[in-house]
Amino acid sequence: MLNKNIFSERLKALRISKNLNQNTLANAIGIGKSAISMIETGQRAVSVDILVALADYFDVSLDYLTGTGLYSKEEQILTHKDEIVYALNQFYDTEFFTKVSAFPNSVFMDIVASTIKDIDFLDDEDAPEITLYPLVPAEAGRNFFSTLK
């Protein structure tokens, strides 16, 4: 489900981070400036076409832009960052994720979201239960991450 507040905040932050004004962004994706203003303030819903155009323009995932998928658990993931890094390092037999944990939180989240299918938090005191994407066998992961050491 689209969280309008997260989406609006992320859209505005992305636009500002690229030093764009609302008019420039609107022209780039083919909508009016007032539409961008209304989207950023949560006064207008967005179509799938606009959502995809914005994600493509900023080169971000729809999950990131809308605060869904693993990004809906971003606060919990960042709270348990050390446990997640430890589990991923153990699974892939690498120290790669220790290095990644030093990156900005947005980069860390992108890497985690591309590596992990789901994380369940039973409660905040428990270690997270991680489900990795089944398409990345442990052996392939170890080989890939060993090249990055």
Protein backbone atom coordinates (compact mmCIF):
# COMPACT_ATOMS: atom_id res chain seq x y z
CA MET A 1 0.00 0.00 0.00
CA LEU A 2 1.33 3.42 -0.95
CA ASN A 3 2.26 5.56 2.05
CA LYS A 4 1.52 9.06 0.71
CA ASN A 5 3.63 10.79 3.37
CA ILE A 6 6.74 8.73 2.68
CA PHE A 7 6.22 9.04 -1.08
CA SER A 8 5.74 12.81 -0.91
CA GLU A 9 8.77 13.29 1.34
CA ARG A 10 11.01 11.08 -0.80
CA LEU A 11 9.93 12.73 -4.02
CA LYS A 12 10.68 16.19 -2.67
CA ALA A 13 14.02 15.04 -1.19
CA LEU A 14 15.04 13.45 -4.51
CA ARG A 15 14.08 16.57 -6.45
CA ILE A 16 16.03 18.84 -4.08
CA SER A 17 19.04 16.49 -4.02
CA LYS A 18 19.26 16.88 -7.81
CA ASN A 19 18.91 20.68 -7.55
CA LEU A 20 15.72 20.61 -9.60
CA ASN A 21 12.81 22.98 -9.30
CA GLN A 22 9.27 21.65 -9.62
CA ASN A 23 8.89 23.03 -13.14
CA THR A 24 12.01 21.26 -14.43
CA LEU A 25 10.90 17.94 -12.94
CA ALA A 26 7.37 18.36 -14.27
CA ASN A 27 8.67 19.04 -17.79
CA ALA A 28 11.02 16.05 -17.62
CA ILE A 29 8.21 13.60 -16.90
CA GLY A 30 5.50 15.33 -18.92
CA ILE A 31 3.14 16.77 -16.31
CA GLY A 32 2.36 20.26 -15.04
CA LYS A 33 4.29 22.08 -12.28
CA SER A 34 1.15 22.32 -10.15
CA ALA A 35 0.84 18.52 -10.29
CA ILE A 36 4.34 18.13 -8.80
CA SER A 37 3.50 20.65 -6.10
CA MET A 38 0.28 18.83 -5.22
CA ILE A 39 2.00 15.42 -5.24
CA GLU A 40 4.77 16.68 -2.94
CA THR A 41 2.22 18.03 -0.47
CA GLY A 42 0.08 14.89 -0.61
CA GLN A 43 -2.87 16.68 -2.19
CA ARG A 44 -2.88 14.61 -5.37
CA ALA A 45 -2.77 10.90 -6.01
CA VAL A 46 -0.39 9.64 -8.67
CA SER A 47 -1.06 7.26 -11.51
CA VAL A 48 1.08 4.22 -12.08
CA ASP A 49 2.50 5.92 -15.19
CA ILE A 50 3.68 8.94 -13.17
CA LEU A 51 5.03 6.71 -10.41
CA VAL A 52 7.08 4.70 -12.91
CA ALA A 53 8.25 7.87 -14.69
CA LEU A 54 9.48 9.34 -11.39
CA ALA A 55 11.24 6.12 -10.36
CA ASP A 56 12.92 5.92 -13.78
CA TYR A 57 13.88 9.59 -13.77
CA PHE A 58 15.54 9.37 -10.34
CA ASP A 59 16.84 5.82 -10.94
CA VAL A 60 15.26 4.45 -7.76
CA SER A 61 13.02 1.45 -7.16
CA LEU A 62 9.28 1.78 -6.80
CA ASP A 63 9.64 0.15 -3.37
CA TYR A 64 12.02 2.91 -2.27
CA LEU A 65 9.91 5.70 -3.72
CA THR A 66 6.69 4.44 -2.16
CA GLY A 67 8.12 3.14 1.13
CA THR A 68 6.85 -0.39 0.46
CA GLY A 69 8.42 -3.84 0.45
CA LEU A 70 11.52 -3.97 2.60
CA TYR A 71 11.56 -0.18 2.72
CA SER A 72 8.38 -0.33 4.82
CA LYS A 73 10.58 -1.94 7.51
CA GLU A 74 13.44 0.54 7.05
CA GLU A 75 13.37 1.84 10.63
CA GLN A 76 13.49 -1.68 12.07
CA ILE A 77 16.19 -2.74 9.62
CA LEU A 78 18.38 0.22 10.53
CA THR A 79 17.74 -0.42 14.25
CA HIS A 80 18.97 -4.02 13.79
CA LYS A 81 21.72 -3.13 11.32
CA ASP A 82 24.50 -4.91 13.25
CA GLU A 83 22.56 -8.19 13.54
CA ILE A 84 21.62 -8.09 9.86
CA VAL A 85 25.21 -7.40 8.80
CA TYR A 86 26.43 -10.25 11.01
CA ALA A 87 23.86 -12.71 9.58
CA LEU A 88 24.65 -11.76 5.97
CA ASN A 89 28.40 -11.99 6.57
CA GLN A 90 27.93 -15.44 8.10
CA PHE A 91 25.67 -16.69 5.34
CA TYR A 92 27.91 -15.51 2.52
CA ASP A 93 31.17 -16.15 4.39
CA THR A 94 32.41 -12.63 3.73
CA GLU A 95 33.06 -9.31 5.44
CA PHE A 96 31.50 -7.41 2.55
CA PHE A 97 28.43 -6.37 4.53
CA THR A 98 30.59 -4.91 7.30
CA LYS A 99 32.01 -2.54 4.71
CA VAL A 100 28.53 -1.82 3.35
CA SER A 101 27.25 -0.95 6.82
CA ALA A 102 29.56 2.08 6.81
CA PHE A 103 27.80 3.47 3.73
CA PRO A 104 24.95 5.99 4.10
CA ASN A 105 21.71 4.38 5.27
CA SER A 106 20.05 4.85 1.87
CA VAL A 107 22.83 2.87 0.14
CA PHE A 108 22.78 0.22 2.86
CA MET A 109 19.01 -0.15 2.42
CA ASP A 110 19.35 -0.52 -1.35
CA ILE A 111 21.92 -3.31 -0.94
CA VAL A 112 19.88 -5.05 1.75
CA ALA A 113 16.73 -4.78 -0.38
CA SER A 114 18.53 -6.38 -3.32
CA THR A 115 19.91 -9.21 -1.15
CA ILE A 116 17.07 -10.00 1.24
CA LYS A 117 13.57 -11.08 0.26
CA ASP A 118 11.98 -10.46 3.65
CA ILE A 119 12.80 -9.81 7.28
CA ASP A 120 10.46 -10.72 10.10
CA PHE A 121 10.77 -8.96 13.43
CA LEU A 122 9.05 -10.97 16.16
CA ASP A 123 9.58 -8.06 18.49
CA ASP A 124 12.26 -5.43 18.85
CA GLU A 125 14.26 -7.52 21.34
CA ASP A 126 14.58 -10.54 19.05
CA ALA A 127 17.13 -10.96 16.32
CA PRO A 128 15.56 -10.52 12.89
CA GLU A 129 14.71 -13.62 10.85
CA ILE A 130 16.08 -13.10 7.34
CA THR A 131 14.77 -14.72 4.15
CA LEU A 132 17.25 -14.36 1.31
CA TYR A 133 16.24 -14.35 -2.32
CA PRO A 134 16.18 -17.97 -3.44
CA LEU A 135 17.82 -17.02 -6.75
CA VAL A 136 21.13 -16.34 -5.00
CA PRO A 137 22.51 -19.65 -3.73
CA ALA A 138 24.98 -19.36 -0.86
CA GLU A 139 27.85 -20.67 -2.99
CA ALA A 140 27.23 -18.09 -5.73
CA GLY A 141 26.98 -15.38 -3.08
CA ARG A 142 30.27 -16.43 -1.49
CA ASN A 143 31.97 -16.39 -4.89
CA PHE A 144 30.54 -12.98 -5.76
CA PHE A 145 31.38 -11.35 -2.44
CA SER A 146 34.88 -12.85 -2.34
CA THR A 147 35.69 -10.85 -5.50
CA LEU A 148 34.81 -7.67 -3.64
CA LYS A 149 37.19 -8.18 -0.70
